[in-house]
PDB file of N, CA and C in Angstrom:
ATOM      1  N   MET A   1      40.337 -21.958  25.163  1.00  0.00           N
ATOM      2  CA  MET A   1      40.582 -20.531  25.082  1.00  0.00           C
ATOM      3  C   MET A   1      39.504 -19.809  25.895  1.00  0.00           C
ATOM      4  N   THR A   2      39.933 -18.959  26.791  1.00  0.00           N
ATOM      5  CA  THR A   2      39.030 -18.183  27.624  1.00  0.00           C
ATOM      6  C   THR A   2      38.632 -16.910  26.892  1.00  0.00           C
ATOM      7  N   MET A   3      37.347 -16.559  26.989  1.00  0.00           N
ATOM      8  CA  MET A   3      36.828 -15.336  26.369  1.00  0.00           C
ATOM      9  C   MET A   3      36.234 -14.444  27.453  1.00  0.00           C
ATOM     10  N   TYR A   4      36.394 -13.149  27.259  1.00  0.00           N
ATOM     11  CA  TYR A   4      35.889 -12.161  28.198  1.00  0.00           C
ATOM     12  C   TYR A   4      35.060 -11.122  27.460  1.00  0.00           C
ATOM     13  N   LYS A   5      34.079 -10.586  28.139  1.00  0.00           N
ATOM     14  CA  LYS A   5      33.387  -9.421  27.604  1.00  0.00           C
ATOM     15  C   LYS A   5      34.374  -8.259  27.651  1.00  0.00           C
ATOM     16  N   LEU A   6      34.306  -7.404  26.652  1.00  0.00           N
ATOM     17  CA  LEU A   6      35.277  -6.317  26.518  1.00  0.00           C
ATOM     18  C   LEU A   6      35.383  -5.477  27.782  1.00  0.00           C
ATOM     19  N   LYS A   7      34.266  -5.071  28.340  1.00  0.00           N
ATOM     20  CA  LYS A   7      34.320  -4.201  29.518  1.00  0.00           C
ATOM     21  C   LYS A   7      34.826  -4.926  30.760  1.00  0.00           C
ATOM     22  N   ASP A   8      34.695  -6.268  30.799  1.00  0.00           N
ATOM     23  CA  ASP A   8      35.258  -7.029  31.914  1.00  0.00           C
ATOM     24  C   ASP A   8      36.768  -7.199  31.749  1.00  0.00           C
ATOM     25  N   PHE A   9      37.207  -7.335  30.518  1.00  0.00           N
ATOM     26  CA  PHE A   9      38.631  -7.502  30.234  1.00  0.00           C
ATOM     27  C   PHE A   9      39.396  -6.206  30.487  1.00  0.00           C
ATOM     28  N   ASP A  10      38.803  -5.097  30.025  1.00  0.00           N
ATOM     29  CA  ASP A  10      39.444  -3.788  30.189  1.00  0.00           C
ATOM     30  C   ASP A  10      38.370  -2.734  30.421  1.00  0.00           C
ATOM     31  N   PRO A  11      38.100  -2.384  31.678  1.00  0.00           N
ATOM     32  CA  PRO A  11      37.063  -1.393  31.973  1.00  0.00           C
ATOM     33  C   PRO A  11      37.297  -0.041  31.283  1.00  0.00           C
ATOM     34  N   ASN A  12      38.526   0.244  30.899  1.00  0.00           N
ATOM     35  CA  ASN A  12      38.848   1.506  30.218  1.00  0.00           C
ATOM     36  C   ASN A  12      39.038   1.306  28.710  1.00  0.00           C
ATOM     37  N   TYR A  13      38.339   0.333  28.141  1.00  0.00           N
ATOM     38  CA  TYR A  13      38.528  -0.012  26.728  1.00  0.00           C
ATOM     39  C   TYR A  13      38.295   1.153  25.771  1.00  0.00           C
ATOM     40  N   LYS A  14      37.482   2.111  26.154  1.00  0.00           N
ATOM     41  CA  LYS A  14      37.190   3.246  25.259  1.00  0.00           C
ATOM     42  C   LYS A  14      38.451   4.021  24.886  1.00  0.00           C
ATOM     43  N   THR A  15      39.464   3.984  25.746  1.00  0.00           N
ATOM     44  CA  THR A  15      40.695   4.711  25.441  1.00  0.00           C
ATOM     45  C   THR A  15      41.387   4.150  24.202  1.00  0.00           C
ATOM     46  N   HIS A  16      41.142   2.886  23.895  1.00  0.00           N
ATOM     47  CA  HIS A  16      41.741   2.260  22.711  1.00  0.00           C
ATOM     48  C   HIS A  16      40.998   2.630  21.429  1.00  0.00           C
ATOM     49  N   PHE A  17      39.836   3.242  21.579  1.00  0.00           N
ATOM     50  CA  PHE A  17      39.009   3.644  20.441  1.00  0.00           C
ATOM     51  C   PHE A  17      38.790   5.155  20.438  1.00  0.00           C
ATOM     52  N   ASP A  18      39.820   5.891  20.809  1.00  0.00           N
ATOM     53  CA  ASP A  18      39.778   7.360  20.856  1.00  0.00           C
ATOM     54  C   ASP A  18      38.628   7.886  21.710  1.00  0.00           C
ATOM     55  N   GLY A  19      38.345   7.187  22.806  1.00  0.00           N
ATOM     56  CA  GLY A  19      37.305   7.621  23.734  1.00  0.00           C
ATOM     57  C   GLY A  19      35.894   7.311  23.292  1.00  0.00           C
ATOM     58  N   VAL A  20      35.746   6.643  22.163  1.00  0.00           N
ATOM     59  CA  VAL A  20      34.423   6.326  21.621  1.00  0.00           C
ATOM     60  C   VAL A  20      33.997   4.947  22.115  1.00  0.00           C
ATOM     61  N   ASP A  21      32.753   4.828  22.536  1.00  0.00           N
ATOM     62  CA  ASP A  21      32.212   3.539  22.962  1.00  0.00           C
ATOM     63  C   ASP A  21      31.631   2.838  21.749  1.00  0.00           C
ATOM     64  N   ILE A  22      32.318   1.818  21.253  1.00  0.00           N
ATOM     65  CA  ILE A  22      31.841   1.119  20.062  1.00  0.00           C
ATOM     66  C   ILE A  22      30.691   0.162  20.372  1.00  0.00           C
ATOM     67  N   VAL A  23      30.506  -0.159  21.662  1.00  0.00           N
ATOM     68  CA  VAL A  23      29.328  -0.931  22.041  1.00  0.00           C
ATOM     69  C   VAL A  23      28.119  -0.026  21.798  1.00  0.00           C
ATOM     70  N   GLY A  24      27.185  -0.529  21.025  1.00  0.00           N
ATOM     71  CA  GLY A  24      26.024   0.273  20.644  1.00  0.00           C
ATOM     72  C   GLY A  24      26.062   0.721  19.196  1.00  0.00           C
ATOM     73  N   PHE A  25      27.226   0.623  18.541  1.00  0.00           N
ATOM     74  CA  PHE A  25      27.296   0.961  17.110  1.00  0.00           C
ATOM     75  C   PHE A  25      26.286   0.106  16.344  1.00  0.00           C
ATOM     76  N   ASP A  26      25.688   0.671  15.315  1.00  0.00           N
ATOM     77  CA  ASP A  26      24.797  -0.080  14.440  1.00  0.00           C
ATOM     78  C   ASP A  26      25.614  -0.984  13.531  1.00  0.00           C
ATOM     79  N   VAL A  27      25.041  -2.129  13.191  1.00  0.00           N
ATOM     80  CA  VAL A  27      25.708  -3.104  12.332  1.00  0.00           C
ATOM     81  C   VAL A  27      24.891  -3.265  11.051  1.00  0.00           C
ATOM     82  N   TYR A  28      25.611  -3.216   9.920  1.00  0.00           N
ATOM     83  CA  TYR A  28      24.977  -3.305   8.605  1.00  0.00           C
ATOM     84  C   TYR A  28      25.624  -4.396   7.765  1.00  0.00           C
ATOM     85  N   THR A  29      24.797  -5.065   6.962  1.00  0.00           N
ATOM     86  CA  THR A  29      25.326  -5.873   5.872  1.00  0.00           C
ATOM     87  C   THR A  29      25.549  -4.899   4.725  1.00  0.00           C
ATOM     88  N   ALA A  30      25.878  -5.389   3.564  1.00  0.00           N
ATOM     89  CA  ALA A  30      26.034  -4.495   2.407  1.00  0.00           C
ATOM     90  C   ALA A  30      24.711  -3.828   2.058  1.00  0.00           C
ATOM     91  N   GLN A  31      23.610  -4.449   2.459  1.00  0.00           N
ATOM     92  CA  GLN A  31      22.294  -3.971   2.046  1.00  0.00           C
ATOM     93  C   GLN A  31      21.491  -3.225   3.117  1.00  0.00           C
ATOM     94  N   GLU A  32      21.590  -3.674   4.383  1.00  0.00           N
ATOM     95  CA  GLU A  32      20.668  -3.136   5.387  1.00  0.00           C
ATOM     96  C   GLU A  32      21.179  -3.300   6.811  1.00  0.00           C
ATOM     97  N   LYS A  33      20.536  -2.563   7.719  1.00  0.00           N
ATOM     98  CA  LYS A  33      20.867  -2.665   9.133  1.00  0.00           C
ATOM     99  C   LYS A  33      20.384  -4.016   9.658  1.00  0.00           C
ATOM    100  N   ILE A  34      21.256  -4.676  10.439  1.00  0.00           N
ATOM    101  CA  ILE A  34      20.880  -5.970  10.998  1.00  0.00           C
ATOM    102  C   ILE A  34      20.865  -5.972  12.522  1.00  0.00           C
ATOM    103  N   GLY A  35      21.308  -4.884  13.137  1.00  0.00           N
ATOM    104  CA  GLY A  35      21.304  -4.829  14.590  1.00  0.00           C
ATOM    105  C   GLY A  35      22.311  -3.831  15.120  1.00  0.00           C
ATOM    106  N   SER A  36      22.760  -4.086  16.345  1.00  0.00           N
ATOM    107  CA  SER A  36      23.748  -3.217  16.975  1.00  0.00           C
ATOM    108  C   SER A  36      24.674  -4.060  17.846  1.00  0.00           C
ATOM    109  N   ILE A  37      25.833  -3.490  18.173  1.00  0.00           N
ATOM    110  CA  ILE A  37      26.815  -4.196  18.984  1.00  0.00           C
ATOM    111  C   ILE A  37      26.347  -4.233  20.438  1.00  0.00           C
ATOM    112  N   ALA A  38      26.148  -5.442  20.957  1.00  0.00           N
ATOM    113  CA  ALA A  38      25.780  -5.615  22.358  1.00  0.00           C
ATOM    114  C   ALA A  38      27.028  -5.760  23.218  1.00  0.00           C
ATOM    115  N   ASP A  39      28.066  -6.349  22.621  1.00  0.00           N
ATOM    116  CA  ASP A  39      29.331  -6.535  23.334  1.00  0.00           C
ATOM    117  C   ASP A  39      30.378  -7.009  22.344  1.00  0.00           C
ATOM    118  N   ILE A  40      31.595  -7.121  22.820  1.00  0.00           N
ATOM    119  CA  ILE A  40      32.699  -7.663  22.031  1.00  0.00           C
ATOM    120  C   ILE A  40      33.412  -8.666  22.923  1.00  0.00           C
ATOM    121  N   LEU A  41      33.732  -9.821  22.366  1.00  0.00           N
ATOM    122  CA  LEU A  41      34.442 -10.845  23.133  1.00  0.00           C
ATOM    123  C   LEU A  41      35.928 -10.767  22.832  1.00  0.00           C
ATOM    124  N   VAL A  42      36.712 -10.887  23.893  1.00  0.00           N
ATOM    125  CA  VAL A  42      38.161 -10.728  23.830  1.00  0.00           C
ATOM    126  C   VAL A  42      38.822 -12.001  24.360  1.00  0.00           C
ATOM    127  N   GLU A  43      39.885 -12.433  23.674  1.00  0.00           N
ATOM    128  CA  GLU A  43      40.672 -13.570  24.164  1.00  0.00           C
ATOM    129  C   GLU A  43      41.511 -13.122  25.346  1.00  0.00           C
ATOM    130  N   ASP A  44      41.986 -14.083  26.113  1.00  0.00           N
ATOM    131  CA  ASP A  44      42.772 -13.722  27.298  1.00  0.00           C
ATOM    132  C   ASP A  44      44.096 -13.053  26.960  1.00  0.00           C
ATOM    133  N   ASN A  45      44.547 -13.115  25.687  1.00  0.00           N
ATOM    134  CA  ASN A  45      45.762 -12.407  25.270  1.00  0.00           C
ATOM    135  C   ASN A  45      45.474 -10.985  24.775  1.00  0.00           C
ATOM    136  N   GLY A  46      44.197 -10.577  24.817  1.00  0.00           N
ATOM    137  CA  GLY A  46      43.826  -9.214  24.443  1.00  0.00           C
ATOM    138  C   GLY A  46      43.323  -9.049  23.021  1.00  0.00           C
ATOM    139  N   ASN A  47      43.350 -10.113  22.223  1.00  0.00           N
ATOM    140  CA  ASN A  47      42.844 -10.015  20.849  1.00  0.00           C
ATOM    141  C   ASN A  47      41.326  -9.972  20.831  1.00  0.00           C
ATOM    142  N   LEU A  48      40.781  -9.001  20.092  1.00  0.00           N
ATOM    143  CA  LEU A  48      39.338  -8.956  19.893  1.00  0.00           C
ATOM    144  C   LEU A  48      38.965 -10.147  19.025  1.00  0.00           C
ATOM    145  N   ARG A  49      37.928 -10.882  19.394  1.00  0.00           N
ATOM    146  CA  ARG A  49      37.607 -12.126  18.691  1.00  0.00           C
ATOM    147  C   ARG A  49      36.245 -12.100  18.000  1.00  0.00           C
ATOM    148  N   TYR A  50      35.182 -11.726  18.727  1.00  0.00           N
ATOM    149  CA  TYR A  50      33.821 -11.761  18.177  1.00  0.00           C
ATOM    150  C   TYR A  50      33.040 -10.506  18.532  1.00  0.00           C
ATOM    151  N   LEU A  51      32.189 -10.102  17.615  1.00  0.00           N
ATOM    152  CA  LEU A  51      31.169  -9.100  17.899  1.00  0.00           C
ATOM    153  C   LEU A  51      29.927  -9.843  18.373  1.00  0.00           C
ATOM    154  N   VAL A  52      29.330  -9.377  19.447  1.00  0.00           N
ATOM    155  CA  VAL A  52      28.031  -9.899  19.871  1.00  0.00           C
ATOM    156  C   VAL A  52      27.008  -8.906  19.334  1.00  0.00           C
ATOM    157  N   ILE A  53      26.224  -9.354  18.374  1.00  0.00           N
ATOM    158  CA  ILE A  53      25.269  -8.478  17.707  1.00  0.00           C
ATOM    159  C   ILE A  53      23.862  -8.756  18.211  1.00  0.00           C
ATOM    160  N   ASN A  54      23.205  -7.704  18.688  1.00  0.00           N
ATOM    161  CA  ASN A  54      21.802  -7.782  19.059  1.00  0.00           C
ATOM    162  C   ASN A  54      21.022  -7.481  17.793  1.00  0.00           C
ATOM    163  N   THR A  55      20.313  -8.476  17.279  1.00  0.00           N
ATOM    164  CA  THR A  55      19.614  -8.309  16.014  1.00  0.00           C
ATOM    165  C   THR A  55      18.322  -7.511  16.155  1.00  0.00           C
ATOM    166  N   GLY A  56      17.947  -7.159  17.363  1.00  0.00           N
ATOM    167  CA  GLY A  56      16.766  -6.324  17.549  1.00  0.00           C
ATOM    168  C   GLY A  56      15.477  -7.071  17.310  1.00  0.00           C
ATOM    169  N   VAL A  57      14.466  -6.357  16.866  1.00  0.00           N
ATOM    170  CA  VAL A  57      13.127  -6.940  16.772  1.00  0.00           C
ATOM    171  C   VAL A  57      12.922  -7.836  15.561  1.00  0.00           C
ATOM    172  N   TRP A  58      13.775  -7.746  14.548  1.00  0.00           N
ATOM    173  CA  TRP A  58      13.499  -8.550  13.354  1.00  0.00           C
ATOM    174  C   TRP A  58      13.760 -10.029  13.555  1.00  0.00           C
ATOM    175  N   VAL A  59      14.475 -10.437  14.592  1.00  0.00           N
ATOM    176  CA  VAL A  59      14.601 -11.848  14.952  1.00  0.00           C
ATOM    177  C   VAL A  59      14.347 -11.974  16.459  1.00  0.00           C
ATOM    178  N   LEU A  60      13.389 -11.237  16.951  1.00  0.00           N
ATOM    179  CA  LEU A  60      12.989 -11.276  18.354  1.00  0.00           C
ATOM    180  C   LEU A  60      14.135 -11.026  19.330  1.00  0.00           C
ATOM    181  N   GLY A  61      15.019 -10.110  18.992  1.00  0.00           N
ATOM    182  CA  GLY A  61      16.082  -9.730  19.905  1.00  0.00           C
ATOM    183  C   GLY A  61      17.185 -10.750  20.066  1.00  0.00           C
ATOM    184  N   LYS A  62      17.321 -11.611  19.110  1.00  0.00           N
ATOM    185  CA  LYS A  62      18.355 -12.649  19.131  1.00  0.00           C
ATOM    186  C   LYS A  62      19.743 -12.012  19.139  1.00  0.00           C
ATOM    187  N   LYS A  63      20.679 -12.594  19.899  1.00  0.00           N
ATOM    188  CA  LYS A  63      22.072 -12.148  19.901  1.00  0.00           C
ATOM    189  C   LYS A  63      22.914 -13.233  19.250  1.00  0.00           C
ATOM    190  N   VAL A  64      23.773 -12.812  18.316  1.00  0.00           N
ATOM    191  CA  VAL A  64      24.606 -13.753  17.557  1.00  0.00           C
ATOM    192  C   VAL A  64      26.053 -13.292  17.586  1.00  0.00           C
ATOM    193  N   LEU A  65      26.962 -14.220  17.276  1.00  0.00           N
ATOM    194  CA  LEU A  65      28.394 -13.915  17.214  1.00  0.00           C
ATOM    195  C   LEU A  65      28.843 -13.806  15.767  1.00  0.00           C
ATOM    196  N   VAL A  66      29.637 -12.767  15.488  1.00  0.00           N
ATOM    197  CA  VAL A  66      30.258 -12.590  14.174  1.00  0.00           C
ATOM    198  C   VAL A  66      31.750 -12.392  14.413  1.00  0.00           C
ATOM    199  N   PRO A  67      32.597 -13.133  13.701  1.00  0.00           N
ATOM    200  CA  PRO A  67      34.045 -12.956  13.872  1.00  0.00           C
ATOM    201  C   PRO A  67      34.468 -11.517  13.585  1.00  0.00           C
ATOM    202  N   ILE A  68      35.319 -10.972  14.423  1.00  0.00           N
ATOM    203  CA  ILE A  68      35.766  -9.584  14.298  1.00  0.00           C
ATOM    204  C   ILE A  68      36.445  -9.331  12.958  1.00  0.00           C
ATOM    205  N   GLY A  69      37.083 -10.350  12.405  1.00  0.00           N
ATOM    206  CA  GLY A  69      37.773 -10.206  11.124  1.00  0.00           C
ATOM    207  C   GLY A  69      36.841  -9.955   9.956  1.00  0.00           C
ATOM    208  N   LYS A  70      35.560 -10.183  10.148  1.00  0.00           N
ATOM    209  CA  LYS A  70      34.563  -9.945   9.091  1.00  0.00           C
ATOM    210  C   LYS A  70      33.981  -8.532   9.157  1.00  0.00           C
ATOM    211  N   ALA A  71      34.440  -7.735  10.114  1.00  0.00           N
ATOM    212  CA  ALA A  71      33.855  -6.419  10.357  1.00  0.00           C
ATOM    213  C   ALA A  71      34.748  -5.289   9.860  1.00  0.00           C
ATOM    214  N   LYS A  72      34.104  -4.240   9.363  1.00  0.00           N
ATOM    215  CA  LYS A  72      34.776  -2.990   9.011  1.00  0.00           C
ATOM    216  C   LYS A  72      34.150  -1.899   9.864  1.00  0.00           C
ATOM    217  N   PHE A  73      34.991  -1.184  10.596  1.00  0.00           N
ATOM    218  CA  PHE A  73      34.515  -0.143  11.506  1.00  0.00           C
ATOM    219  C   PHE A  73      34.512   1.212  10.808  1.00  0.00           C
ATOM    220  N   ASP A  74      33.414   1.947  10.947  1.00  0.00           N
ATOM    221  CA  ASP A  74      33.312   3.312  10.453  1.00  0.00           C
ATOM    222  C   ASP A  74      33.005   4.188  11.666  1.00  0.00           C
ATOM    223  N   HIS A  75      34.058   4.702  12.299  1.00  0.00           N
ATOM    224  CA  HIS A  75      33.891   5.469  13.537  1.00  0.00           C
ATOM    225  C   HIS A  75      33.101   6.748  13.323  1.00  0.00           C
ATOM    226  N   LYS A  76      33.265   7.370  12.170  1.00  0.00           N
ATOM    227  CA  LYS A  76      32.581   8.637  11.912  1.00  0.00           C
ATOM    228  C   LYS A  76      31.067   8.476  11.909  1.00  0.00           C
ATOM    229  N   SER A  77      30.575   7.420  11.275  1.00  0.00           N
ATOM    230  CA  SER A  77      29.128   7.207  11.206  1.00  0.00           C
ATOM    231  C   SER A  77      28.614   6.311  12.334  1.00  0.00           C
ATOM    232  N   LYS A  78      29.535   5.830  13.202  1.00  0.00           N
ATOM    233  CA  LYS A  78      29.189   4.928  14.301  1.00  0.00           C
ATOM    234  C   LYS A  78      28.479   3.676  13.778  1.00  0.00           C
ATOM    235  N   ARG A  79      29.090   3.112  12.732  1.00  0.00           N
ATOM    236  CA  ARG A  79      28.558   1.898  12.118  1.00  0.00           C
ATOM    237  C   ARG A  79      29.658   0.863  11.969  1.00  0.00           C
ATOM    238  N   ILE A  80      29.228  -0.380  11.960  1.00  0.00           N
ATOM    239  CA  ILE A  80      30.110  -1.498  11.651  1.00  0.00           C
ATOM    240  C   ILE A  80      29.461  -2.252  10.500  1.00  0.00           C
ATOM    241  N   TYR A  81      30.274  -2.565   9.497  1.00  0.00           N
ATOM    242  CA  TYR A  81      29.771  -3.264   8.319  1.00  0.00           C
ATOM    243  C   TYR A  81      30.296  -4.697   8.310  1.00  0.00           C
ATOM    244  N   VAL A  82      29.398  -5.637   8.070  1.00  0.00           N
ATOM    245  CA  VAL A  82      29.745  -7.050   7.891  1.00  0.00           C
ATOM    246  C   VAL A  82      29.242  -7.459   6.510  1.00  0.00           C
ATOM    247  N   ASP A  83      29.890  -6.889   5.501  1.00  0.00           N
ATOM    248  CA  ASP A  83      29.440  -7.024   4.120  1.00  0.00           C
ATOM    249  C   ASP A  83      29.425  -8.453   3.606  1.00  0.00           C
ATOM    250  N   SER A  84      30.213  -9.335   4.193  1.00  0.00           N
ATOM    251  CA  SER A  84      30.261 -10.708   3.697  1.00  0.00           C
ATOM    252  C   SER A  84      29.071 -11.541   4.174  1.00  0.00           C
ATOM    253  N   PHE A  85      28.200 -10.953   5.000  1.00  0.00           N
ATOM    254  CA  PHE A  85      27.004 -11.644   5.483  1.00  0.00           C
ATOM    255  C   PHE A  85      25.750 -11.035   4.868  1.00  0.00           C
ATOM    256  N   SER A  86      24.759 -11.881   4.635  1.00  0.00           N
ATOM    257  CA  SER A  86      23.433 -11.400   4.256  1.00  0.00           C
ATOM    258  C   SER A  86      22.554 -11.430   5.508  1.00  0.00           C
ATOM    259  N   LYS A  87      21.411 -10.790   5.437  1.00  0.00           N
ATOM    260  CA  LYS A  87      20.478 -10.811   6.560  1.00  0.00           C
ATOM    261  C   LYS A  87      20.072 -12.249   6.881  1.00  0.00           C
ATOM    262  N   THR A  88      19.844 -13.052   5.857  1.00  0.00           N
ATOM    263  CA  THR A  88      19.457 -14.452   6.053  1.00  0.00           C
ATOM    264  C   THR A  88      20.560 -15.233   6.758  1.00  0.00           C
ATOM    265  N   GLN A  89      21.809 -15.002   6.377  1.00  0.00           N
ATOM    266  CA  GLN A  89      22.915 -15.690   7.043  1.00  0.00           C
ATOM    267  C   GLN A  89      22.986 -15.308   8.520  1.00  0.00           C
ATOM    268  N   VAL A  90      22.782 -14.041   8.822  1.00  0.00           N
ATOM    269  CA  VAL A  90      22.795 -13.604  10.220  1.00  0.00           C
ATOM    270  C   VAL A  90      21.643 -14.253  10.981  1.00  0.00           C
ATOM    271  N   GLU A  91      20.476 -14.348  10.368  1.00  0.00           N
ATOM    272  CA  GLU A  91      19.328 -14.998  11.002  1.00  0.00           C
ATOM    273  C   GLU A  91      19.644 -16.443  11.369  1.00  0.00           C
ATOM    274  N   ASN A  92      20.493 -17.090  10.590  1.00  0.00           N
ATOM    275  CA  ASN A  92      20.809 -18.505  10.797  1.00  0.00           C
ATOM    276  C   ASN A  92      22.019 -18.749  11.694  1.00  0.00           C
ATOM    277  N   LEU A  93      22.666 -17.691  12.178  1.00  0.00           N
ATOM    278  CA  LEU A  93      23.789 -17.859  13.100  1.00  0.00           C
ATOM    279  C   LEU A  93      23.275 -18.364  14.446  1.00  0.00           C
ATOM    280  N   PRO A  94      24.094 -19.121  15.170  1.00  0.00           N
ATOM    281  CA  PRO A  94      23.672 -19.610  16.491  1.00  0.00           C
ATOM    282  C   PRO A  94      23.432 -18.456  17.457  1.00  0.00           C
ATOM    283  N   THR A  95      22.456 -18.641  18.305  1.00  0.00           N
ATOM    284  CA  THR A  95      22.129 -17.651  19.327  1.00  0.00           C
ATOM    285  C   THR A  95      23.119 -17.744  20.478  1.00  0.00           C
ATOM    286  N   VAL A  96      23.533 -16.582  20.980  1.00  0.00           N
ATOM    287  CA  VAL A  96      24.397 -16.536  22.166  1.00  0.00           C
ATOM    288  C   VAL A  96      23.504 -16.738  23.380  1.00  0.00           C
ATOM    289  N   ASN A  97      23.844 -17.712  24.205  1.00  0.00           N
ATOM    290  CA  ASN A  97      23.099 -17.963  25.420  1.00  0.00           C
ATOM    291  C   ASN A  97      23.531 -16.944  26.470  1.00  0.00           C
ATOM    292  N   GLN A  98      22.622 -16.093  26.885  1.00  0.00           N
ATOM    293  CA  GLN A  98      22.956 -15.029  27.830  1.00  0.00           C
ATOM    294  C   GLN A  98      23.360 -15.542  29.199  1.00  0.00           C
ATOM    295  N   GLN A  99      23.001 -16.785  29.530  1.00  0.00           N
ATOM    296  CA  GLN A  99      23.394 -17.360  30.809  1.00  0.00           C
ATOM    297  C   GLN A  99      24.815 -17.906  30.756  1.00  0.00           C
ATOM    298  N   PHE A 100      25.350 -18.034  29.558  1.00  0.00           N
ATOM    299  CA  PHE A 100      26.698 -18.577  29.378  1.00  0.00           C
ATOM    300  C   PHE A 100      27.711 -17.578  29.884  1.00  0.00           C
ATOM    301  N   SER A 101      28.653 -18.033  30.646  1.00  0.00           N
ATOM    302  CA  SER A 101      29.704 -17.151  31.148  1.00  0.00           C
ATOM    303  C   SER A 101      30.891 -17.227  30.204  1.00  0.00           C
ATOM    304  N   PHE A 102      31.243 -16.118  29.581  1.00  0.00           N
ATOM    305  CA  PHE A 102      32.383 -16.082  28.678  1.00  0.00           C
ATOM    306  C   PHE A 102      33.618 -16.141  29.517  1.00  0.00           C
TER     307      PHE A 102
END
């Protein structure tokens, strides 16, 4: 299965989100902020598949993948919630290799 970065798959992706750029939204567990959206991976059929989360300074800027199905979007507050994960679980997710071509 081929994966694409959202902006590479559809440069006008914001139109699907009422003109809002969801890249950059803050990401929270049920308890606390864990990072922000660095990108979204899309399958070649157009299905959103993974959130690429930049965990920021608390794990030295590590980027991890979270399945899109685990996310709840709150457009008004510009937040995404991944309530089924704890901070520790996110810390233990595999790191996305930035040299890897999706």
